[in-house]
Amino acid sequence: MISFKNQHLQARSFRQQILNGTDFSGADIRGCNFNQAQLVGANFERVKAGLSPQKLMRLSGIMIAIALLVGDALSRLIFGALGQIPNSSAWLFVLVLYGVLGLAGASAGISSLKSISLKTSRLAGVFSAVLSGAWLGFFYAGSASGNNPSIAIAGAMSAGLVMGVASVFLHQSWIKIAIATIPTVTTYGAAFLLGATASVSLSAQHSIGFAYAIATFVYVWLTLSSLKSIIRSLNLASTTSFKGANLTNARFDQAALNHTDFSQSIGYC
């Protein structure tokens, strides 16, 4: 019989492992991932479960680092676009930027709403990840190649594909947080771009500026919704999770189970 009795296991992953009859008694399992694990007859007496400060800090650091990196690229793209005029050679890329940021931002915001179905949320999340990866790949590939359009487009396609595949098939918590952060920053970028456009249009007394202003408020709201979703994901990823685990006859006597996820688990009551 495997024994982790009284061990410090904080933030360990046991996802989908077969651990029937394993002794975890007295162990620190804060932040551990037991999702879809087989834990029939396992002993969790006196365990300390719940939120792992160590894991929360690590995931928060990843989120902040990615937000700064993506924000820098996005700000350079946006300020470059704001300096273009309709007759310039780069105008087509400006229009594409508006479209990509707008669609990616809207999809990210929609995927974070609690009022929609899980299937719709996942589809919107994947779509947003693909578009966010595309503009990011376009920027970095273009910058590295001296603004070569062909290489920039190839970079956009490659990065979009990578983000789409990662969002569907990779389930590590840090990858999920990273993938969620990029579209959220993209949504904020869309709000900033629309706000700047609204300001210019209203200053020139163009009535379309009001439409841009309304769109700006919508995207600010979507940004806040996406940010709240990331914060929820951070907290969930940092807690002990038995989601979908088989806990038939598992023992939890005198266990501290605050901030523990037992959703879809079998045998726990």
C-alpha atoms as a PDB file:
ATOM      1  CA  MET A   1       0.000   0.000   0.000  1.00  0.00           C
ATOM      2  CA  ILE A   2       1.290   3.442  -0.936  1.00  0.00           C
ATOM      3  CA  SER A   3       1.694   5.803   2.016  1.00  0.00           C
ATOM      4  CA  PHE A   4       1.989   9.592   2.089  1.00  0.00           C
ATOM      5  CA  LYS A   5       1.232   9.741   5.802  1.00  0.00           C
ATOM      6  CA  ASN A   6       2.082  13.109   7.427  1.00  0.00           C
ATOM      7  CA  GLN A   7       3.934  14.272   4.294  1.00  0.00           C
ATOM      8  CA  HIS A   8       4.059  17.781   2.823  1.00  0.00           C
ATOM      9  CA  LEU A   9       2.341  17.330  -0.559  1.00  0.00           C
ATOM     10  CA  GLN A  10       1.231  20.907  -1.146  1.00  0.00           C
ATOM     11  CA  ALA A  11       0.474  21.717  -4.842  1.00  0.00           C
ATOM     12  CA  ARG A  12       1.245  18.160  -6.058  1.00  0.00           C
ATOM     13  CA  SER A  13      -0.743  16.713  -8.970  1.00  0.00           C
ATOM     14  CA  PHE A  14      -2.281  13.245  -8.729  1.00  0.00           C
ATOM     15  CA  ARG A  15      -4.623  13.794 -11.679  1.00  0.00           C
ATOM     16  CA  GLN A  16      -6.068  10.554 -13.121  1.00  0.00           C
ATOM     17  CA  GLN A  17      -3.730   8.379 -11.014  1.00  0.00           C
ATOM     18  CA  ILE A  18      -4.823   5.055  -9.502  1.00  0.00           C
ATOM     19  CA  LEU A  19      -4.355   5.484  -5.745  1.00  0.00           C
ATOM     20  CA  ASN A  20      -6.895   3.055  -4.289  1.00  0.00           C
ATOM     21  CA  GLY A  21      -6.239   2.408  -0.599  1.00  0.00           C
ATOM     22  CA  THR A  22      -3.461   5.007  -0.385  1.00  0.00           C
ATOM     23  CA  ASP A  23      -2.763   6.468   3.060  1.00  0.00           C
ATOM     24  CA  PHE A  24      -2.738  10.303   3.038  1.00  0.00           C
ATOM     25  CA  SER A  25      -3.554  10.641   6.745  1.00  0.00           C
ATOM     26  CA  GLY A  26      -2.156  13.777   8.380  1.00  0.00           C
ATOM     27  CA  ALA A  27      -0.702  15.050   5.098  1.00  0.00           C
ATOM     28  CA  ASP A  28      -0.753  18.642   3.855  1.00  0.00           C
ATOM     29  CA  ILE A  29      -2.667  18.349   0.562  1.00  0.00           C
ATOM     30  CA  ARG A  30      -3.440  22.037   0.063  1.00  0.00           C
ATOM     31  CA  GLY A  31      -3.565  22.859  -3.644  1.00  0.00           C
ATOM     32  CA  CYS A  32      -3.297  19.205  -4.690  1.00  0.00           C
ATOM     33  CA  ASN A  33      -4.995  18.065  -7.886  1.00  0.00           C
ATOM     34  CA  PHE A  34      -6.844  14.754  -7.487  1.00  0.00           C
ATOM     35  CA  ASN A  35      -9.133  15.321 -10.477  1.00  0.00           C
ATOM     36  CA  GLN A  36     -10.459  12.068 -11.967  1.00  0.00           C
ATOM     37  CA  ALA A  37      -8.168  10.012  -9.711  1.00  0.00           C
ATOM     38  CA  GLN A  38      -9.144   6.565  -8.406  1.00  0.00           C
ATOM     39  CA  LEU A  39      -9.152   6.885  -4.600  1.00  0.00           C
ATOM     40  CA  VAL A  40     -11.357   3.991  -3.499  1.00  0.00           C
ATOM     41  CA  GLY A  41     -10.789   3.315   0.203  1.00  0.00           C
ATOM     42  CA  ALA A  42      -8.100   6.010   0.483  1.00  0.00           C
ATOM     43  CA  ASN A  43      -7.362   7.394   3.944  1.00  0.00           C
ATOM     44  CA  PHE A  44      -7.604  11.203   4.202  1.00  0.00           C
ATOM     45  CA  GLU A  45      -8.030  11.371   7.977  1.00  0.00           C
ATOM     46  CA  ARG A  46      -6.680  14.596   9.564  1.00  0.00           C
ATOM     47  CA  VAL A  47      -5.446  15.953   6.217  1.00  0.00           C
ATOM     48  CA  LYS A  48      -5.068  19.692   5.706  1.00  0.00           C
ATOM     49  CA  ALA A  49      -6.804  20.600   2.443  1.00  0.00           C
ATOM     50  CA  GLY A  50      -7.742  23.905   0.839  1.00  0.00           C
ATOM     51  CA  LEU A  51      -5.980  26.917  -0.646  1.00  0.00           C
ATOM     52  CA  SER A  52      -2.223  26.683  -1.258  1.00  0.00           C
ATOM     53  CA  PRO A  53      -0.555  30.116  -0.843  1.00  0.00           C
ATOM     54  CA  GLN A  54       2.539  28.770  -2.580  1.00  0.00           C
ATOM     55  CA  LYS A  55       0.585  27.692  -5.674  1.00  0.00           C
ATOM     56  CA  LEU A  56      -1.499  30.877  -5.689  1.00  0.00           C
ATOM     57  CA  MET A  57       1.632  33.044  -5.685  1.00  0.00           C
ATOM     58  CA  ARG A  58       3.236  30.997  -8.463  1.00  0.00           C
ATOM     59  CA  LEU A  59       0.171  31.146 -10.706  1.00  0.00           C
ATOM     60  CA  SER A  60      -0.313  34.859  -9.980  1.00  0.00           C
ATOM     61  CA  GLY A  61       3.307  35.473 -10.970  1.00  0.00           C
ATOM     62  CA  ILE A  62       2.760  33.647 -14.260  1.00  0.00           C
ATOM     63  CA  MET A  63      -0.379  35.675 -14.926  1.00  0.00           C
ATOM     64  CA  ILE A  64       1.335  39.014 -14.226  1.00  0.00           C
ATOM     65  CA  ALA A  65       4.410  38.147 -16.323  1.00  0.00           C
ATOM     66  CA  ILE A  66       2.286  37.140 -19.316  1.00  0.00           C
ATOM     67  CA  ALA A  67       0.043  40.191 -18.932  1.00  0.00           C
ATOM     68  CA  LEU A  68       3.080  42.499 -19.014  1.00  0.00           C
ATOM     69  CA  LEU A  69       4.592  40.720 -22.023  1.00  0.00           C
ATOM     70  CA  VAL A  70       1.341  40.695 -23.984  1.00  0.00           C
ATOM     71  CA  GLY A  71       0.483  44.237 -22.904  1.00  0.00           C
ATOM     72  CA  ASP A  72       3.794  45.549 -24.228  1.00  0.00           C
ATOM     73  CA  ALA A  73       3.256  43.919 -27.635  1.00  0.00           C
ATOM     74  CA  LEU A  74      -0.350  45.072 -27.775  1.00  0.00           C
ATOM     75  CA  SER A  75       0.453  48.677 -26.883  1.00  0.00           C
ATOM     76  CA  ARG A  76       3.067  48.870 -29.626  1.00  0.00           C
ATOM     77  CA  LEU A  77       0.627  47.465 -32.175  1.00  0.00           C
ATOM     78  CA  ILE A  78      -2.155  49.829 -31.144  1.00  0.00           C
ATOM     79  CA  PHE A  79      -0.049  52.994 -31.073  1.00  0.00           C
ATOM     80  CA  GLY A  80       1.370  52.040 -34.458  1.00  0.00           C
ATOM     81  CA  ALA A  81      -2.144  51.602 -35.832  1.00  0.00           C
ATOM     82  CA  LEU A  82      -3.393  54.921 -34.445  1.00  0.00           C
ATOM     83  CA  GLY A  83      -0.758  56.747 -36.474  1.00  0.00           C
ATOM     84  CA  GLN A  84      -1.985  55.377 -39.812  1.00  0.00           C
ATOM     85  CA  ILE A  85      -4.319  57.071 -42.304  1.00  0.00           C
ATOM     86  CA  PRO A  86      -6.762  55.388 -44.749  1.00  0.00           C
ATOM     87  CA  ASN A  87      -4.507  55.917 -47.771  1.00  0.00           C
ATOM     88  CA  SER A  88      -1.392  54.417 -46.160  1.00  0.00           C
ATOM     89  CA  SER A  89       0.037  51.059 -47.236  1.00  0.00           C
ATOM     90  CA  ALA A  90      -0.532  49.682 -43.733  1.00  0.00           C
ATOM     91  CA  TRP A  91      -4.230  50.574 -43.585  1.00  0.00           C
ATOM     92  CA  LEU A  92      -5.351  47.036 -44.426  1.00  0.00           C
ATOM     93  CA  PHE A  93      -3.410  45.722 -41.429  1.00  0.00           C
ATOM     94  CA  VAL A  94      -5.053  48.391 -39.247  1.00  0.00           C
ATOM     95  CA  LEU A  95      -8.509  47.175 -40.286  1.00  0.00           C
ATOM     96  CA  VAL A  96      -7.474  43.575 -39.640  1.00  0.00           C
ATOM     97  CA  LEU A  97      -6.208  44.606 -36.183  1.00  0.00           C
ATOM     98  CA  TYR A  98      -9.577  46.178 -35.361  1.00  0.00           C
ATOM     99  CA  GLY A  99     -11.353  43.020 -36.487  1.00  0.00           C
ATOM    100  CA  VAL A 100      -9.086  40.548 -34.695  1.00  0.00           C
ATOM    101  CA  LEU A 101      -9.010  42.467 -31.401  1.00  0.00           C
ATOM    102  CA  GLY A 102     -12.754  43.035 -31.571  1.00  0.00           C
ATOM    103  CA  LEU A 103     -13.624  39.385 -32.205  1.00  0.00           C
ATOM    104  CA  ALA A 104     -11.037  38.031 -29.756  1.00  0.00           C
ATOM    105  CA  GLY A 105     -12.148  40.438 -27.047  1.00  0.00           C
ATOM    106  CA  ALA A 106     -15.836  39.713 -27.549  1.00  0.00           C
ATOM    107  CA  SER A 107     -15.225  35.953 -27.508  1.00  0.00           C
ATOM    108  CA  ALA A 108     -13.109  36.183 -24.346  1.00  0.00           C
ATOM    109  CA  GLY A 109     -15.783  38.215 -22.602  1.00  0.00           C
ATOM    110  CA  ILE A 110     -18.579  35.884 -23.705  1.00  0.00           C
ATOM    111  CA  SER A 111     -16.666  32.796 -22.552  1.00  0.00           C
ATOM    112  CA  SER A 112     -16.419  34.268 -19.044  1.00  0.00           C
ATOM    113  CA  LEU A 113     -20.164  34.869 -18.632  1.00  0.00           C
ATOM    114  CA  LYS A 114     -21.964  32.588 -16.187  1.00  0.00           C
ATOM    115  CA  SER A 115     -25.287  32.903 -18.018  1.00  0.00           C
ATOM    116  CA  ILE A 116     -24.242  30.896 -21.105  1.00  0.00           C
ATOM    117  CA  SER A 117     -23.944  27.141 -21.586  1.00  0.00           C
ATOM    118  CA  LEU A 118     -20.683  25.307 -20.914  1.00  0.00           C
ATOM    119  CA  LYS A 119     -20.384  24.290 -24.582  1.00  0.00           C
ATOM    120  CA  THR A 120     -20.803  27.878 -25.790  1.00  0.00           C
ATOM    121  CA  SER A 121     -18.312  29.096 -23.198  1.00  0.00           C
ATOM    122  CA  ARG A 122     -15.703  26.567 -24.309  1.00  0.00           C
ATOM    123  CA  LEU A 123     -16.178  27.328 -28.012  1.00  0.00           C
ATOM    124  CA  ALA A 124     -15.899  31.063 -27.373  1.00  0.00           C
ATOM    125  CA  GLY A 125     -12.802  30.480 -25.252  1.00  0.00           C
ATOM    126  CA  VAL A 126     -11.072  28.439 -27.969  1.00  0.00           C
ATOM    127  CA  PHE A 127     -11.989  30.993 -30.647  1.00  0.00           C
ATOM    128  CA  SER A 128     -10.639  33.808 -28.498  1.00  0.00           C
ATOM    129  CA  ALA A 129      -7.430  31.880 -27.780  1.00  0.00           C
ATOM    130  CA  VAL A 130      -6.849  31.261 -31.501  1.00  0.00           C
ATOM    131  CA  LEU A 131      -7.353  34.924 -32.441  1.00  0.00           C
ATOM    132  CA  SER A 132      -5.266  36.168 -29.517  1.00  0.00           C
ATOM    133  CA  GLY A 133      -2.458  33.809 -30.458  1.00  0.00           C
ATOM    134  CA  ALA A 134      -2.735  34.953 -34.073  1.00  0.00           C
ATOM    135  CA  TRP A 135      -2.174  38.647 -33.390  1.00  0.00           C
ATOM    136  CA  LEU A 136       0.600  37.857 -30.910  1.00  0.00           C
ATOM    137  CA  GLY A 137       2.348  35.615 -33.442  1.00  0.00           C
ATOM    138  CA  PHE A 138       1.880  38.250 -36.134  1.00  0.00           C
ATOM    139  CA  PHE A 139       3.547  40.897 -33.980  1.00  0.00           C
ATOM    140  CA  TYR A 140       6.547  38.902 -32.791  1.00  0.00           C
ATOM    141  CA  ALA A 141       7.189  37.140 -36.118  1.00  0.00           C
ATOM    142  CA  GLY A 142       6.894  40.458 -37.935  1.00  0.00           C
ATOM    143  CA  SER A 143       9.184  42.233 -35.485  1.00  0.00           C
ATOM    144  CA  ALA A 144      11.805  39.484 -35.676  1.00  0.00           C
ATOM    145  CA  SER A 145      11.784  39.505 -39.487  1.00  0.00           C
ATOM    146  CA  GLY A 146      11.987  43.259 -39.997  1.00  0.00           C
ATOM    147  CA  ASN A 147       8.232  43.568 -40.660  1.00  0.00           C
ATOM    148  CA  ASN A 148       8.194  40.947 -43.423  1.00  0.00           C
ATOM    149  CA  PRO A 149       4.448  40.437 -44.174  1.00  0.00           C
ATOM    150  CA  SER A 150       4.788  36.799 -45.262  1.00  0.00           C
ATOM    151  CA  ILE A 151       6.674  35.787 -42.133  1.00  0.00           C
ATOM    152  CA  ALA A 152       4.293  37.787 -39.931  1.00  0.00           C
ATOM    153  CA  ILE A 153       1.271  36.003 -41.432  1.00  0.00           C
ATOM    154  CA  ALA A 154       2.978  32.621 -41.031  1.00  0.00           C
ATOM    155  CA  GLY A 155       3.688  33.515 -37.403  1.00  0.00           C
ATOM    156  CA  ALA A 156       0.039  34.445 -36.893  1.00  0.00           C
ATOM    157  CA  MET A 157      -1.177  31.128 -38.291  1.00  0.00           C
ATOM    158  CA  SER A 158       1.325  29.086 -36.269  1.00  0.00           C
ATOM    159  CA  ALA A 159       0.690  30.878 -32.972  1.00  0.00           C
ATOM    160  CA  GLY A 160      -3.072  30.734 -33.474  1.00  0.00           C
ATOM    161  CA  LEU A 161      -2.894  26.984 -34.059  1.00  0.00           C
ATOM    162  CA  VAL A 162      -0.705  26.451 -30.988  1.00  0.00           C
ATOM    163  CA  MET A 163      -3.063  28.465 -28.773  1.00  0.00           C
ATOM    164  CA  GLY A 164      -6.101  26.613 -30.092  1.00  0.00           C
ATOM    165  CA  VAL A 165      -4.572  23.175 -29.512  1.00  0.00           C
ATOM    166  CA  ALA A 166      -3.296  24.162 -26.064  1.00  0.00           C
ATOM    167  CA  SER A 167      -6.688  25.491 -24.979  1.00  0.00           C
ATOM    168  CA  VAL A 168      -8.388  22.214 -25.937  1.00  0.00           C
ATOM    169  CA  PHE A 169      -5.894  19.513 -24.996  1.00  0.00           C
ATOM    170  CA  LEU A 170      -3.624  20.879 -22.237  1.00  0.00           C
ATOM    171  CA  HIS A 171      -5.080  20.882 -18.727  1.00  0.00           C
ATOM    172  CA  GLN A 172      -2.215  21.981 -16.468  1.00  0.00           C
ATOM    173  CA  SER A 173      -3.367  24.831 -14.252  1.00  0.00           C
ATOM    174  CA  TRP A 174      -0.552  27.208 -15.230  1.00  0.00           C
ATOM    175  CA  ILE A 175      -1.287  26.678 -18.939  1.00  0.00           C
ATOM    176  CA  LYS A 176      -4.980  27.369 -18.388  1.00  0.00           C
ATOM    177  CA  ILE A 177      -4.164  30.585 -16.523  1.00  0.00           C
ATOM    178  CA  ALA A 178      -1.715  31.648 -19.241  1.00  0.00           C
ATOM    179  CA  ILE A 179      -4.217  30.967 -22.015  1.00  0.00           C
ATOM    180  CA  ALA A 180      -6.953  32.874 -20.165  1.00  0.00           C
ATOM    181  CA  THR A 181      -4.680  35.864 -19.490  1.00  0.00           C
ATOM    182  CA  ILE A 182      -3.769  36.568 -23.130  1.00  0.00           C
ATOM    183  CA  PRO A 183      -7.400  37.002 -24.349  1.00  0.00           C
ATOM    184  CA  THR A 184      -8.209  39.127 -21.288  1.00  0.00           C
ATOM    185  CA  VAL A 185      -5.392  41.547 -22.112  1.00  0.00           C
ATOM    186  CA  THR A 186      -6.572  41.436 -25.729  1.00  0.00           C
ATOM    187  CA  THR A 187     -10.071  42.474 -24.613  1.00  0.00           C
ATOM    188  CA  TYR A 188      -8.590  45.417 -22.731  1.00  0.00           C
ATOM    189  CA  GLY A 189      -6.584  46.297 -25.855  1.00  0.00           C
ATOM    190  CA  ALA A 190      -9.777  46.310 -27.910  1.00  0.00           C
ATOM    191  CA  ALA A 191     -11.404  48.629 -25.359  1.00  0.00           C
ATOM    192  CA  PHE A 192      -8.389  50.963 -25.454  1.00  0.00           C
ATOM    193  CA  LEU A 193      -8.305  51.033 -29.268  1.00  0.00           C
ATOM    194  CA  LEU A 194     -12.036  51.726 -29.498  1.00  0.00           C
ATOM    195  CA  GLY A 195     -11.775  54.395 -26.809  1.00  0.00           C
ATOM    196  CA  ALA A 196      -8.948  56.174 -28.622  1.00  0.00           C
ATOM    197  CA  THR A 197     -10.903  56.015 -31.886  1.00  0.00           C
ATOM    198  CA  ALA A 198     -14.008  57.365 -30.149  1.00  0.00           C
ATOM    199  CA  SER A 199     -12.012  60.264 -28.710  1.00  0.00           C
ATOM    200  CA  VAL A 200     -10.593  61.213 -32.111  1.00  0.00           C
ATOM    201  CA  SER A 201     -13.990  60.902 -33.824  1.00  0.00           C
ATOM    202  CA  LEU A 202     -15.822  62.959 -31.206  1.00  0.00           C
ATOM    203  CA  SER A 203     -13.104  65.624 -31.267  1.00  0.00           C
ATOM    204  CA  ALA A 204     -13.677  65.913 -35.012  1.00  0.00           C
ATOM    205  CA  GLN A 205     -17.444  66.047 -34.341  1.00  0.00           C
ATOM    206  CA  HIS A 206     -18.139  62.820 -36.223  1.00  0.00           C
ATOM    207  CA  SER A 207     -21.351  61.182 -35.021  1.00  0.00           C
ATOM    208  CA  ILE A 208     -19.843  57.701 -35.394  1.00  0.00           C
ATOM    209  CA  GLY A 209     -17.763  58.570 -32.347  1.00  0.00           C
ATOM    210  CA  PHE A 210     -20.814  57.860 -30.174  1.00  0.00           C
ATOM    211  CA  ALA A 211     -20.972  54.309 -31.543  1.00  0.00           C
ATOM    212  CA  TYR A 212     -17.283  53.829 -30.767  1.00  0.00           C
ATOM    213  CA  ALA A 213     -17.863  55.203 -27.257  1.00  0.00           C
ATOM    214  CA  ILE A 214     -20.686  52.734 -26.601  1.00  0.00           C
ATOM    215  CA  ALA A 215     -18.532  49.891 -27.933  1.00  0.00           C
ATOM    216  CA  THR A 216     -15.741  51.028 -25.603  1.00  0.00           C
ATOM    217  CA  PHE A 217     -17.975  50.696 -22.539  1.00  0.00           C
ATOM    218  CA  VAL A 218     -19.103  47.241 -23.700  1.00  0.00           C
ATOM    219  CA  TYR A 219     -15.503  46.067 -24.038  1.00  0.00           C
ATOM    220  CA  VAL A 220     -14.538  47.536 -20.666  1.00  0.00           C
ATOM    221  CA  TRP A 221     -17.371  45.499 -19.154  1.00  0.00           C
ATOM    222  CA  LEU A 222     -16.182  42.382 -21.020  1.00  0.00           C
ATOM    223  CA  THR A 223     -12.641  43.020 -19.762  1.00  0.00           C
ATOM    224  CA  LEU A 224     -13.846  43.159 -16.153  1.00  0.00           C
ATOM    225  CA  SER A 225     -15.876  39.987 -16.681  1.00  0.00           C
ATOM    226  CA  SER A 226     -12.820  38.188 -18.079  1.00  0.00           C
ATOM    227  CA  LEU A 227     -10.664  39.443 -15.207  1.00  0.00           C
ATOM    228  CA  LYS A 228     -13.148  38.149 -12.632  1.00  0.00           C
ATOM    229  CA  SER A 229     -13.127  34.797 -14.414  1.00  0.00           C
ATOM    230  CA  ILE A 230      -9.316  34.612 -14.194  1.00  0.00           C
ATOM    231  CA  ILE A 231      -9.417  35.428 -10.473  1.00  0.00           C
ATOM    232  CA  ARG A 232     -11.960  32.634  -9.957  1.00  0.00           C
ATOM    233  CA  SER A 233      -9.747  30.277 -11.964  1.00  0.00           C
ATOM    234  CA  LEU A 234      -6.705  31.265  -9.892  1.00  0.00           C
ATOM    235  CA  ASN A 235      -8.521  30.465  -6.661  1.00  0.00           C
ATOM    236  CA  LEU A 236      -9.886  27.167  -7.976  1.00  0.00           C
ATOM    237  CA  ALA A 237      -6.501  26.107  -9.364  1.00  0.00           C
ATOM    238  CA  SER A 238      -4.878  26.850  -5.999  1.00  0.00           C
ATOM    239  CA  THR A 239      -7.284  24.770  -3.906  1.00  0.00           C
ATOM    240  CA  THR A 240      -7.468  21.035  -3.290  1.00  0.00           C
ATOM    241  CA  SER A 241      -9.595  19.482  -6.018  1.00  0.00           C
ATOM    242  CA  PHE A 242     -11.266  16.069  -6.153  1.00  0.00           C
ATOM    243  CA  LYS A 243     -13.320  16.943  -9.235  1.00  0.00           C
ATOM    244  CA  GLY A 244     -14.510  13.759 -10.930  1.00  0.00           C
ATOM    245  CA  ALA A 245     -12.527  11.546  -8.516  1.00  0.00           C
ATOM    246  CA  ASN A 246     -13.761   8.172  -7.270  1.00  0.00           C
ATOM    247  CA  LEU A 247     -13.891   8.527  -3.469  1.00  0.00           C
ATOM    248  CA  THR A 248     -15.925   5.417  -2.694  1.00  0.00           C
ATOM    249  CA  ASN A 249     -15.264   4.389   0.947  1.00  0.00           C
ATOM    250  CA  ALA A 250     -12.584   7.079   1.317  1.00  0.00           C
ATOM    251  CA  ARG A 251     -12.228   8.342   4.905  1.00  0.00           C
ATOM    252  CA  PHE A 252     -12.072  12.046   5.824  1.00  0.00           C
ATOM    253  CA  ASP A 253     -12.405  11.907   9.626  1.00  0.00           C
ATOM    254  CA  GLN A 254     -11.161  15.116  11.332  1.00  0.00           C
ATOM    255  CA  ALA A 255      -9.967  16.493   7.975  1.00  0.00           C
ATOM    256  CA  ALA A 256      -9.806  20.261   7.354  1.00  0.00           C
ATOM    257  CA  LEU A 257     -11.648  20.606   4.043  1.00  0.00           C
ATOM    258  CA  ASN A 258     -12.166  24.343   3.575  1.00  0.00           C
ATOM    259  CA  HIS A 259     -11.881  25.526  -0.058  1.00  0.00           C
ATOM    260  CA  THR A 260     -12.009  21.976  -1.420  1.00  0.00           C
ATOM    261  CA  ASP A 261     -13.730  21.043  -4.697  1.00  0.00           C
ATOM    262  CA  PHE A 262     -15.699  17.770  -4.668  1.00  0.00           C
ATOM    263  CA  SER A 263     -17.786  18.544  -7.771  1.00  0.00           C
ATOM    264  CA  GLN A 264     -18.660  15.514  -9.927  1.00  0.00           C
ATOM    265  CA  SER A 265     -16.820  13.201  -7.510  1.00  0.00           C
ATOM    266  CA  ILE A 266     -18.144   9.709  -6.775  1.00  0.00           C
ATOM    267  CA  GLY A 267     -18.770   8.381  -3.288  1.00  0.00           C
ATOM    268  CA  TYR A 268     -18.246  11.566  -1.263  1.00  0.00           C
ATOM    269  CA  CYS A 269     -21.113  12.883   0.830  1.00  0.00           C
END
